[in-house]
Amino acid sequence: MKIDEGFKELEGIIARMEKSDQPIEEAFADFEKGMALVKSLKLSLADTEKKINVLNTETGELTEM
């Protein structure tokens, strides 16, 4: 899954959970899925940051993140 797709899916989960009419079982399932997405996105973003740092090192550019 691409990072932007992951964030869109996470936004959908958050929107569903913000509604108070969601059954507790569905809310819990969304929470679990959302937490797994957060973990996955965090790893993807860290990996992307490493790649950017490598590219910046190769080109001699410094970029603060």
PDB file of N, CA and C in Angstrom:
ATOM      1  N   MET A   1       0.843  -1.176   0.000  1.00  0.00           N
ATOM      2  CA  MET A   1       0.000   0.000   0.000  1.00  0.00           C
ATOM      3  C   MET A   1       0.892   1.244   0.000  1.00  0.00           C
ATOM      4  N   LYS A   2       0.519   2.203  -0.801  1.00  0.00           N
ATOM      5  CA  LYS A   2       1.258   3.457  -0.840  1.00  0.00           C
ATOM      6  C   LYS A   2       0.926   4.290   0.398  1.00  0.00           C
ATOM      7  N   ILE A   3       1.844   5.154   0.754  1.00  0.00           N
ATOM      8  CA  ILE A   3       1.675   5.969   1.960  1.00  0.00           C
ATOM      9  C   ILE A   3       0.404   6.815   1.878  1.00  0.00           C
ATOM     10  N   ASP A   4       0.181   7.467   0.742  1.00  0.00           N
ATOM     11  CA  ASP A   4      -1.004   8.319   0.635  1.00  0.00           C
ATOM     12  C   ASP A   4      -2.295   7.508   0.715  1.00  0.00           C
ATOM     13  N   GLU A   5      -2.288   6.297   0.185  1.00  0.00           N
ATOM     14  CA  GLU A   5      -3.466   5.429   0.293  1.00  0.00           C
ATOM     15  C   GLU A   5      -3.699   5.031   1.750  1.00  0.00           C
ATOM     16  N   GLY A   6      -2.615   4.769   2.459  1.00  0.00           N
ATOM     17  CA  GLY A   6      -2.724   4.418   3.871  1.00  0.00           C
ATOM     18  C   GLY A   6      -3.325   5.538   4.696  1.00  0.00           C
ATOM     19  N   PHE A   7      -2.892   6.771   4.410  1.00  0.00           N
ATOM     20  CA  PHE A   7      -3.440   7.910   5.147  1.00  0.00           C
ATOM     21  C   PHE A   7      -4.913   8.118   4.824  1.00  0.00           C
ATOM     22  N   LYS A   8      -5.302   7.912   3.560  1.00  0.00           N
ATOM     23  CA  LYS A   8      -6.716   8.053   3.197  1.00  0.00           C
ATOM     24  C   LYS A   8      -7.558   7.003   3.913  1.00  0.00           C
ATOM     25  N   GLU A   9      -7.052   5.776   3.977  1.00  0.00           N
ATOM     26  CA  GLU A   9      -7.783   4.724   4.679  1.00  0.00           C
ATOM     27  C   GLU A   9      -7.882   5.040   6.165  1.00  0.00           C
ATOM     28  N   LEU A  10      -6.796   5.543   6.736  1.00  0.00           N
ATOM     29  CA  LEU A  10      -6.803   5.910   8.154  1.00  0.00           C
ATOM     30  C   LEU A  10      -7.801   7.033   8.418  1.00  0.00           C
ATOM     31  N   GLU A  11      -7.881   8.001   7.520  1.00  0.00           N
ATOM     32  CA  GLU A  11      -8.854   9.083   7.667  1.00  0.00           C
ATOM     33  C   GLU A  11     -10.281   8.538   7.655  1.00  0.00           C
ATOM     34  N   GLY A  12     -10.539   7.550   6.791  1.00  0.00           N
ATOM     35  CA  GLY A  12     -11.861   6.941   6.748  1.00  0.00           C
ATOM     36  C   GLY A  12     -12.191   6.228   8.043  1.00  0.00           C
ATOM     37  N   ILE A  13     -11.226   5.527   8.589  1.00  0.00           N
ATOM     38  CA  ILE A  13     -11.427   4.830   9.867  1.00  0.00           C
ATOM     39  C   ILE A  13     -11.732   5.827  10.970  1.00  0.00           C
ATOM     40  N   ILE A  14     -10.963   6.901  11.005  1.00  0.00           N
ATOM     41  CA  ILE A  14     -11.176   7.932  12.033  1.00  0.00           C
ATOM     42  C   ILE A  14     -12.567   8.543  11.898  1.00  0.00           C
ATOM     43  N   ALA A  15     -12.979   8.826  10.664  1.00  0.00           N
ATOM     44  CA  ALA A  15     -14.306   9.416  10.443  1.00  0.00           C
ATOM     45  C   ALA A  15     -15.404   8.477  10.931  1.00  0.00           C
ATOM     46  N   ARG A  16     -15.261   7.173  10.654  1.00  0.00           N
ATOM     47  CA  ARG A  16     -16.264   6.207  11.120  1.00  0.00           C
ATOM     48  C   ARG A  16     -16.290   6.156  12.651  1.00  0.00           C
ATOM     49  N   MET A  17     -15.119   6.181  13.265  1.00  0.00           N
ATOM     50  CA  MET A  17     -15.055   6.068  14.717  1.00  0.00           C
ATOM     51  C   MET A  17     -15.581   7.321  15.418  1.00  0.00           C
ATOM     52  N   GLU A  18     -15.502   8.457  14.746  1.00  0.00           N
ATOM     53  CA  GLU A  18     -16.003   9.696  15.355  1.00  0.00           C
ATOM     54  C   GLU A  18     -17.523   9.727  15.430  1.00  0.00           C
ATOM     55  N   LYS A  19     -18.173   8.901  14.625  1.00  0.00           N
ATOM     56  CA  LYS A  19     -19.625   8.806  14.692  1.00  0.00           C
ATOM     57  C   LYS A  19     -19.980   7.983  15.935  1.00  0.00           C
ATOM     58  N   SER A  20     -20.902   8.464  16.696  1.00  0.00           N
ATOM     59  CA  SER A  20     -21.239   7.775  17.938  1.00  0.00           C
ATOM     60  C   SER A  20     -22.190   6.599  17.732  1.00  0.00           C
ATOM     61  N   ASP A  21     -22.685   6.400  16.511  1.00  0.00           N
ATOM     62  CA  ASP A  21     -23.653   5.340  16.273  1.00  0.00           C
ATOM     63  C   ASP A  21     -23.021   4.014  15.834  1.00  0.00           C
ATOM     64  N   GLN A  22     -21.697   3.927  15.844  1.00  0.00           N
ATOM     65  CA  GLN A  22     -21.017   2.714  15.418  1.00  0.00           C
ATOM     66  C   GLN A  22     -21.061   1.685  16.554  1.00  0.00           C
ATOM     67  N   PRO A  23     -21.491   0.450  16.249  1.00  0.00           N
ATOM     68  CA  PRO A  23     -21.483  -0.594  17.291  1.00  0.00           C
ATOM     69  C   PRO A  23     -20.080  -0.804  17.848  1.00  0.00           C
ATOM     70  N   ILE A  24     -19.994  -1.174  19.101  1.00  0.00           N
ATOM     71  CA  ILE A  24     -18.703  -1.303  19.783  1.00  0.00           C
ATOM     72  C   ILE A  24     -17.795  -2.314  19.095  1.00  0.00           C
ATOM     73  N   GLU A  25     -18.367  -3.388  18.562  1.00  0.00           N
ATOM     74  CA  GLU A  25     -17.557  -4.404  17.881  1.00  0.00           C
ATOM     75  C   GLU A  25     -16.883  -3.821  16.643  1.00  0.00           C
ATOM     76  N   GLU A  26     -17.658  -3.028  15.885  1.00  0.00           N
ATOM     77  CA  GLU A  26     -17.104  -2.385  14.689  1.00  0.00           C
ATOM     78  C   GLU A  26     -16.068  -1.328  15.066  1.00  0.00           C
ATOM     79  N   ALA A  27     -16.349  -0.589  16.123  1.00  0.00           N
ATOM     80  CA  ALA A  27     -15.402   0.432  16.577  1.00  0.00           C
ATOM     81  C   ALA A  27     -14.083  -0.212  17.002  1.00  0.00           C
ATOM     82  N   PHE A  28     -14.177  -1.327  17.697  1.00  0.00           N
ATOM     83  CA  PHE A  28     -12.971  -2.020  18.135  1.00  0.00           C
ATOM     84  C   PHE A  28     -12.187  -2.563  16.938  1.00  0.00           C
ATOM     85  N   ALA A  29     -12.901  -3.129  15.955  1.00  0.00           N
ATOM     86  CA  ALA A  29     -12.246  -3.629  14.743  1.00  0.00           C
ATOM     87  C   ALA A  29     -11.560  -2.481  13.996  1.00  0.00           C
ATOM     88  N   ASP A  30     -12.248  -1.336  13.901  1.00  0.00           N
ATOM     89  CA  ASP A  30     -11.647  -0.161  13.261  1.00  0.00           C
ATOM     90  C   ASP A  30     -10.425   0.313  14.032  1.00  0.00           C
ATOM     91  N   PHE A  31     -10.519   0.286  15.366  1.00  0.00           N
ATOM     92  CA  PHE A  31      -9.380   0.704  16.188  1.00  0.00           C
ATOM     93  C   PHE A  31      -8.171  -0.185  15.916  1.00  0.00           C
ATOM     94  N   GLU A  32      -8.392  -1.497  15.898  1.00  0.00           N
ATOM     95  CA  GLU A  32      -7.293  -2.431  15.632  1.00  0.00           C
ATOM     96  C   GLU A  32      -6.688  -2.195  14.252  1.00  0.00           C
ATOM     97  N   LYS A  33      -7.548  -2.036  13.262  1.00  0.00           N
ATOM     98  CA  LYS A  33      -7.062  -1.798  11.899  1.00  0.00           C
ATOM     99  C   LYS A  33      -6.321  -0.468  11.821  1.00  0.00           C
ATOM    100  N   GLY A  34      -6.857   0.546  12.486  1.00  0.00           N
ATOM    101  CA  GLY A  34      -6.218   1.858  12.486  1.00  0.00           C
ATOM    102  C   GLY A  34      -4.842   1.816  13.132  1.00  0.00           C
ATOM    103  N   MET A  35      -4.727   1.103  14.238  1.00  0.00           N
ATOM    104  CA  MET A  35      -3.432   1.006  14.914  1.00  0.00           C
ATOM    105  C   MET A  35      -2.415   0.251  14.051  1.00  0.00           C
ATOM    106  N   ALA A  36      -2.873  -0.781  13.354  1.00  0.00           N
ATOM    107  CA  ALA A  36      -1.986  -1.505  12.452  1.00  0.00           C
ATOM    108  C   ALA A  36      -1.542  -0.601  11.306  1.00  0.00           C
ATOM    109  N   LEU A  37      -2.469   0.213  10.804  1.00  0.00           N
ATOM    110  CA  LEU A  37      -2.123   1.159   9.739  1.00  0.00           C
ATOM    111  C   LEU A  37      -1.115   2.196  10.221  1.00  0.00           C
ATOM    112  N   VAL A  38      -1.316   2.709  11.428  1.00  0.00           N
ATOM    113  CA  VAL A  38      -0.380   3.687  11.994  1.00  0.00           C
ATOM    114  C   VAL A  38       1.014   3.086  12.082  1.00  0.00           C
ATOM    115  N   LYS A  39       1.102   1.857  12.554  1.00  0.00           N
ATOM    116  CA  LYS A  39       2.394   1.190  12.664  1.00  0.00           C
ATOM    117  C   LYS A  39       3.043   1.025  11.290  1.00  0.00           C
ATOM    118  N   SER A  40       2.257   0.592  10.324  1.00  0.00           N
ATOM    119  CA  SER A  40       2.759   0.393   8.970  1.00  0.00           C
ATOM    120  C   SER A  40       3.205   1.718   8.344  1.00  0.00           C
ATOM    121  N   LEU A  41       2.392   2.748   8.515  1.00  0.00           N
ATOM    122  CA  LEU A  41       2.739   4.061   7.957  1.00  0.00           C
ATOM    123  C   LEU A  41       3.988   4.633   8.614  1.00  0.00           C
ATOM    124  N   LYS A  42       4.114   4.422   9.907  1.00  0.00           N
ATOM    125  CA  LYS A  42       5.289   4.896  10.628  1.00  0.00           C
ATOM    126  C   LYS A  42       6.561   4.252  10.063  1.00  0.00           C
ATOM    127  N   LEU A  43       6.505   2.939   9.815  1.00  0.00           N
ATOM    128  CA  LEU A  43       7.650   2.232   9.237  1.00  0.00           C
ATOM    129  C   LEU A  43       7.932   2.711   7.818  1.00  0.00           C
ATOM    130  N   SER A  44       6.881   2.908   7.030  1.00  0.00           N
ATOM    131  CA  SER A  44       7.049   3.379   5.657  1.00  0.00           C
ATOM    132  C   SER A  44       7.663   4.773   5.616  1.00  0.00           C
ATOM    133  N   LEU A  45       7.194   5.636   6.502  1.00  0.00           N
ATOM    134  CA  LEU A  45       7.742   6.996   6.549  1.00  0.00           C
ATOM    135  C   LEU A  45       9.198   6.997   7.002  1.00  0.00           C
ATOM    136  N   ALA A  46       9.541   6.148   7.965  1.00  0.00           N
ATOM    137  CA  ALA A  46      10.932   6.055   8.420  1.00  0.00           C
ATOM    138  C   ALA A  46      11.817   5.540   7.294  1.00  0.00           C
ATOM    139  N   ASP A  47      11.327   4.567   6.541  1.00  0.00           N
ATOM    140  CA  ASP A  47      12.079   4.028   5.415  1.00  0.00           C
ATOM    141  C   ASP A  47      12.279   5.096   4.338  1.00  0.00           C
ATOM    142  N   THR A  48      11.235   5.852   4.066  1.00  0.00           N
ATOM    143  CA  THR A  48      11.333   6.927   3.076  1.00  0.00           C
ATOM    144  C   THR A  48      12.321   7.990   3.529  1.00  0.00           C
ATOM    145  N   GLU A  49      12.301   8.315   4.815  1.00  0.00           N
ATOM    146  CA  GLU A  49      13.238   9.301   5.350  1.00  0.00           C
ATOM    147  C   GLU A  49      14.684   8.824   5.191  1.00  0.00           C
ATOM    148  N   LYS A  50      14.920   7.535   5.438  1.00  0.00           N
ATOM    149  CA  LYS A  50      16.266   6.981   5.253  1.00  0.00           C
ATOM    150  C   LYS A  50      16.716   7.099   3.807  1.00  0.00           C
ATOM    151  N   LYS A  51      15.814   6.801   2.877  1.00  0.00           N
ATOM    152  CA  LYS A  51      16.141   6.897   1.448  1.00  0.00           C
ATOM    153  C   LYS A  51      16.470   8.331   1.063  1.00  0.00           C
ATOM    154  N   ILE A  52      15.703   9.274   1.603  1.00  0.00           N
ATOM    155  CA  ILE A  52      15.972  10.692   1.320  1.00  0.00           C
ATOM    156  C   ILE A  52      17.332  11.089   1.869  1.00  0.00           C
ATOM    157  N   ASN A  53      17.639  10.627   3.075  1.00  0.00           N
ATOM    158  CA  ASN A  53      18.942  10.945   3.665  1.00  0.00           C
ATOM    159  C   ASN A  53      20.086  10.376   2.831  1.00  0.00           C
ATOM    160  N   VAL A  54      19.918   9.162   2.313  1.00  0.00           N
ATOM    161  CA  VAL A  54      20.942   8.554   1.463  1.00  0.00           C
ATOM    162  C   VAL A  54      21.125   9.377   0.201  1.00  0.00           C
ATOM    163  N   LEU A  55      20.014   9.748  -0.428  1.00  0.00           N
ATOM    164  CA  LEU A  55      20.100  10.556  -1.648  1.00  0.00           C
ATOM    165  C   LEU A  55      20.749  11.901  -1.376  1.00  0.00           C
ATOM    166  N   ASN A  56      20.395  12.520  -0.253  1.00  0.00           N
ATOM    167  CA  ASN A  56      20.998  13.800   0.092  1.00  0.00           C
ATOM    168  C   ASN A  56      22.492  13.656   0.356  1.00  0.00           C
ATOM    169  N   THR A  57      22.897  12.566   0.969  1.00  0.00           N
ATOM    170  CA  THR A  57      24.311  12.314   1.225  1.00  0.00           C
ATOM    171  C   THR A  57      25.059  12.141  -0.092  1.00  0.00           C
ATOM    172  N   GLU A  58      24.441  11.425  -1.010  1.00  0.00           N
ATOM    173  CA  GLU A  58      25.065  11.189  -2.312  1.00  0.00           C
ATOM    174  C   GLU A  58      25.213  12.472  -3.119  1.00  0.00           C
ATOM    175  N   THR A  59      24.265  13.386  -2.977  1.00  0.00           N
ATOM    176  CA  THR A  59      24.310  14.632  -3.734  1.00  0.00           C
ATOM    177  C   THR A  59      24.989  15.763  -2.965  1.00  0.00           C
ATOM    178  N   GLY A  60      25.274  15.516  -1.690  1.00  0.00           N
ATOM    179  CA  GLY A  60      25.939  16.533  -0.875  1.00  0.00           C
ATOM    180  C   GLY A  60      25.002  17.586  -0.340  1.00  0.00           C
ATOM    181  N   GLU A  61      23.699  17.365  -0.453  1.00  0.00           N
ATOM    182  CA  GLU A  61      22.724  18.331   0.036  1.00  0.00           C
ATOM    183  C   GLU A  61      22.307  17.962   1.454  1.00  0.00           C
ATOM    184  N   LEU A  62      21.999  18.968   2.226  1.00  0.00           N
ATOM    185  CA  LEU A  62      21.498  18.749   3.584  1.00  0.00           C
ATOM    186  C   LEU A  62      20.049  19.183   3.658  1.00  0.00           C
ATOM    187  N   THR A  63      19.208  18.330   4.171  1.00  0.00           N
ATOM    188  CA  THR A  63      17.798  18.641   4.324  1.00  0.00           C
ATOM    189  C   THR A  63      17.390  18.264   5.735  1.00  0.00           C
ATOM    190  N   GLU A  64      16.772  19.201   6.441  1.00  0.00           N
ATOM    191  CA  GLU A  64      16.294  18.907   7.791  1.00  0.00           C
ATOM    192  C   GLU A  64      14.921  18.301   7.688  1.00  0.00           C
ATOM    193  N   MET A  65      14.678  17.254   8.485  1.00  0.00           N
ATOM    194  CA  MET A  65      13.373  16.602   8.515  1.00  0.00           C
ATOM    195  C   MET A  65      12.874  16.582   9.926  1.00  0.00           C
TER     196      MET A  65
END
